[in-house]
Amino acid sequence: DDALLRAVRKRLLAAGACPGDQMKQLARTVGSTASAPAEVVPSPLSRKPTVGDLVKRALSSTVAEFLTNEPGVRVGTDPEAVHKARVAVRTLRSHLRTFGHLLDGDPPHWESLRTLADELGEVRDREVLLELLRGQTEKLSEAERKIGGEVLKRLDGEIETSRQGLARFMDSPGYAGPLSSLVGLATP
């Protein structure tokens, strides 16, 4: 049971246990791609870049930032990975709105990017709320902390449900196809 495992993990960490090596966990999760070179590497700009160079650099930097954080989002142990991935998707959507008219055709997979942003937002908003409430719960009386603990437990469950929804989307063709297109846009 995931809830039981989370509860045990929290108690172990509170008692001084150290989390395992996240790189090993990441390697197990994403396989051999964990040590592969990055798919998208923003190239340096020349002394006199063209508009196309600037657009390519903006897109490649943002796609690279997202791809850097995608494994952490999938593993689900680092809230910062979700935050950084969400920021990258927001920035990417902004770039596509701004530069879309300079690209051949319509910006790719607009609806999929919106769905990804929404799914990341569902997880991130709850994670932020959980941290805020944890801090506030510590200031309560013992009786109030017990009630606060129940609220935190419920919110933990909501985060897990949101993470599962995000994982389902990231495992779907509605994610893989658009991601491949974005990598194509961001590479020479």
Protein backbone atom coordinates (compact mmCIF):
# COMPACT_ATOMS: atom_id res chain seq x y z
CA ASP A 1 0.00 0.00 0.00
CA ASP A 2 1.50 3.31 -1.13
CA ALA A 3 0.02 5.22 1.80
CA LEU A 4 1.60 2.81 4.28
CA LEU A 5 4.97 3.04 2.51
CA ARG A 6 4.83 6.84 2.62
CA ALA A 7 4.00 6.76 6.32
CA VAL A 8 6.87 4.37 7.06
CA ARG A 9 9.25 6.49 4.98
CA LYS A 10 8.25 9.65 6.87
CA ARG A 11 8.83 7.98 10.23
CA LEU A 12 12.20 6.63 9.15
CA LEU A 13 13.31 10.04 7.88
CA ALA A 14 12.05 11.70 11.07
CA ALA A 15 14.08 9.20 13.07
CA GLY A 16 17.24 10.12 11.15
CA ALA A 17 17.31 7.69 8.23
CA CYS A 18 18.86 9.00 5.02
CA PRO A 19 17.10 8.67 1.69
CA GLY A 20 18.66 6.34 -0.86
CA ASP A 21 20.73 7.46 -3.80
CA GLN A 22 18.28 9.21 -6.12
CA MET A 23 20.57 8.67 -9.10
CA LYS A 24 20.32 4.89 -8.63
CA GLN A 25 16.54 5.21 -8.33
CA LEU A 26 16.49 7.39 -11.43
CA ALA A 27 18.62 4.91 -13.37
CA ARG A 28 16.28 2.08 -12.41
CA THR A 29 13.27 4.14 -13.46
CA VAL A 30 14.46 5.42 -16.83
CA GLY A 31 16.96 2.69 -17.67
CA SER A 32 20.02 3.24 -19.81
CA THR A 33 18.85 6.69 -20.90
CA ALA A 34 19.77 7.99 -17.43
CA SER A 35 23.43 8.08 -18.44
CA ALA A 36 22.90 8.93 -22.13
CA PRO A 37 23.88 12.35 -23.46
CA ALA A 38 21.17 14.99 -23.48
CA GLU A 39 18.85 14.96 -26.49
CA VAL A 40 18.71 18.73 -26.65
CA VAL A 41 21.74 20.88 -26.01
CA PRO A 42 21.34 24.60 -26.66
CA SER A 43 24.10 25.74 -28.96
CA PRO A 44 25.98 28.96 -28.31
CA LEU A 45 24.92 31.99 -30.30
CA SER A 46 27.20 33.49 -32.90
CA ARG A 47 28.34 37.09 -32.63
CA LYS A 48 25.55 38.18 -34.98
CA PRO A 49 22.70 35.72 -34.51
CA THR A 50 19.70 35.70 -36.81
CA VAL A 51 16.15 35.82 -35.52
CA GLY A 52 15.97 32.12 -36.35
CA ASP A 53 19.05 31.47 -34.20
CA LEU A 54 17.48 33.33 -31.28
CA VAL A 55 14.18 31.47 -31.59
CA LYS A 56 15.99 28.10 -31.84
CA ARG A 57 18.08 28.98 -28.79
CA ALA A 58 15.01 29.99 -26.76
CA LEU A 59 13.16 26.81 -27.69
CA SER A 60 16.14 24.51 -27.20
CA SER A 61 17.00 26.01 -23.80
CA THR A 62 13.45 25.54 -22.58
CA VAL A 63 13.03 22.02 -23.97
CA ALA A 64 16.42 21.07 -22.47
CA GLU A 65 15.32 22.39 -19.06
CA PHE A 66 12.15 20.34 -19.25
CA LEU A 67 14.00 17.18 -20.33
CA THR A 68 16.52 17.64 -17.52
CA ASN A 69 13.69 17.55 -14.98
CA GLU A 70 11.46 14.95 -16.63
CA PRO A 71 13.12 11.93 -14.96
CA GLY A 72 12.72 13.56 -11.53
CA VAL A 73 9.06 14.19 -12.29
CA ARG A 74 8.63 10.52 -13.20
CA VAL A 75 10.46 9.27 -10.10
CA GLY A 76 8.34 11.55 -7.94
CA THR A 77 10.68 12.12 -5.02
CA ASP A 78 11.78 15.69 -5.73
CA PRO A 79 9.14 18.44 -5.67
CA GLU A 80 11.68 20.80 -7.28
CA ALA A 81 11.70 18.64 -10.42
CA VAL A 82 7.95 19.17 -10.79
CA HIS A 83 8.38 22.90 -10.14
CA LYS A 84 11.18 23.30 -12.70
CA ALA A 85 9.36 21.17 -15.29
CA ARG A 86 6.22 23.25 -14.80
CA VAL A 87 8.16 26.49 -15.24
CA ALA A 88 9.80 25.09 -18.39
CA VAL A 89 6.41 24.14 -19.87
CA ARG A 90 4.98 27.58 -19.07
CA THR A 91 8.00 29.23 -20.67
CA LEU A 92 7.78 26.95 -23.69
CA ARG A 93 4.11 27.78 -24.18
CA SER A 94 4.98 31.47 -23.94
CA HIS A 95 7.79 31.07 -26.49
CA LEU A 96 5.45 29.27 -28.88
CA ARG A 97 2.84 32.02 -28.52
CA THR A 98 5.49 34.66 -29.09
CA PHE A 99 7.48 32.98 -31.85
CA GLY A 100 4.78 30.72 -33.33
CA HIS A 101 4.30 32.91 -36.37
CA LEU A 102 7.99 32.45 -37.20
CA LEU A 103 7.71 28.66 -37.23
CA ASP A 104 6.55 26.59 -40.17
CA GLY A 105 2.87 25.87 -39.53
CA ASP A 106 1.05 26.06 -36.22
CA PRO A 107 2.91 25.59 -32.93
CA PRO A 108 3.03 21.84 -32.35
CA HIS A 109 0.64 20.03 -30.06
CA TRP A 110 -0.73 23.08 -28.27
CA GLU A 111 -3.42 21.07 -26.49
CA SER A 112 -0.93 18.49 -25.21
CA LEU A 113 1.26 21.23 -23.75
CA ARG A 114 -1.78 22.69 -22.01
CA THR A 115 -2.66 19.27 -20.59
CA LEU A 116 0.93 18.75 -19.43
CA ALA A 117 0.92 22.18 -17.77
CA ASP A 118 -2.38 21.36 -16.05
CA GLU A 119 -1.14 17.95 -14.82
CA LEU A 120 2.11 19.43 -13.48
CA GLY A 121 0.11 22.22 -11.85
CA GLU A 122 -2.18 19.74 -10.09
CA VAL A 123 0.83 18.09 -8.46
CA ARG A 124 2.83 21.25 -7.77
CA ASP A 125 -0.02 23.26 -6.25
CA ARG A 126 -0.75 20.47 -3.79
CA GLU A 127 2.94 20.03 -2.93
CA VAL A 128 3.24 23.75 -2.14
CA LEU A 129 0.08 23.63 -0.04
CA LEU A 130 1.36 20.57 1.82
CA GLU A 131 4.64 22.29 2.74
CA LEU A 132 2.81 25.40 3.85
CA LEU A 133 0.38 23.41 6.00
CA ARG A 134 3.18 21.29 7.49
CA GLY A 135 4.89 24.43 8.69
CA GLN A 136 1.67 25.81 10.12
CA THR A 137 0.68 22.51 11.75
CA GLU A 138 3.90 22.49 13.78
CA LYS A 139 2.75 25.69 15.49
CA LEU A 140 -0.53 24.18 16.69
CA SER A 141 -1.40 22.64 20.03
CA GLU A 142 -1.13 18.88 20.35
CA ALA A 143 -4.87 18.37 19.87
CA GLU A 144 -4.91 20.66 16.84
CA ARG A 145 -1.83 18.93 15.39
CA LYS A 146 -3.74 15.67 15.43
CA ILE A 147 -6.48 17.22 13.30
CA GLY A 148 -3.84 18.91 11.15
CA GLY A 149 -2.19 15.53 10.68
CA GLU A 150 -5.40 14.18 9.23
CA VAL A 151 -5.57 17.09 6.80
CA LEU A 152 -1.93 16.49 5.81
CA LYS A 153 -2.63 12.80 5.32
CA ARG A 154 -5.56 13.59 3.05
CA LEU A 155 -3.47 16.07 1.08
CA ASP A 156 -0.71 13.45 0.72
CA GLY A 157 -3.32 11.16 -0.84
CA GLU A 158 -4.40 13.91 -3.22
CA ILE A 159 -0.79 14.46 -4.25
CA GLU A 160 -0.41 10.77 -4.97
CA THR A 161 -3.59 10.76 -7.04
CA SER A 162 -2.35 13.82 -8.96
CA ARG A 163 1.03 12.15 -9.53
CA GLN A 164 -0.70 9.07 -10.89
CA GLY A 165 -2.68 11.23 -13.32
CA LEU A 166 0.53 12.96 -14.41
CA ALA A 167 2.26 9.59 -14.85
CA ARG A 168 -0.64 8.27 -16.96
CA PHE A 169 -0.44 11.31 -19.20
CA MET A 170 3.36 11.05 -19.50
CA ASP A 171 2.99 7.39 -20.52
CA SER A 172 0.40 8.20 -23.20
CA PRO A 173 0.82 8.82 -26.93
CA GLY A 174 -0.62 12.29 -26.24
CA TYR A 175 2.68 13.04 -24.48
CA ALA A 176 5.26 11.03 -26.43
CA GLY A 177 4.33 12.40 -29.85
CA PRO A 178 4.35 16.06 -28.85
CA LEU A 179 7.57 15.63 -26.89
CA SER A 180 9.24 14.14 -29.94
CA SER A 181 8.03 17.08 -32.06
CA LEU A 182 9.35 19.59 -29.54
CA VAL A 183 12.73 17.87 -29.46
CA GLY A 184 12.73 18.08 -33.25
CA LEU A 185 11.99 21.81 -33.11
CA ALA A 186 14.73 22.38 -30.57
CA THR A 187 17.52 20.49 -32.34
CA PRO A 188 19.43 21.52 -35.46
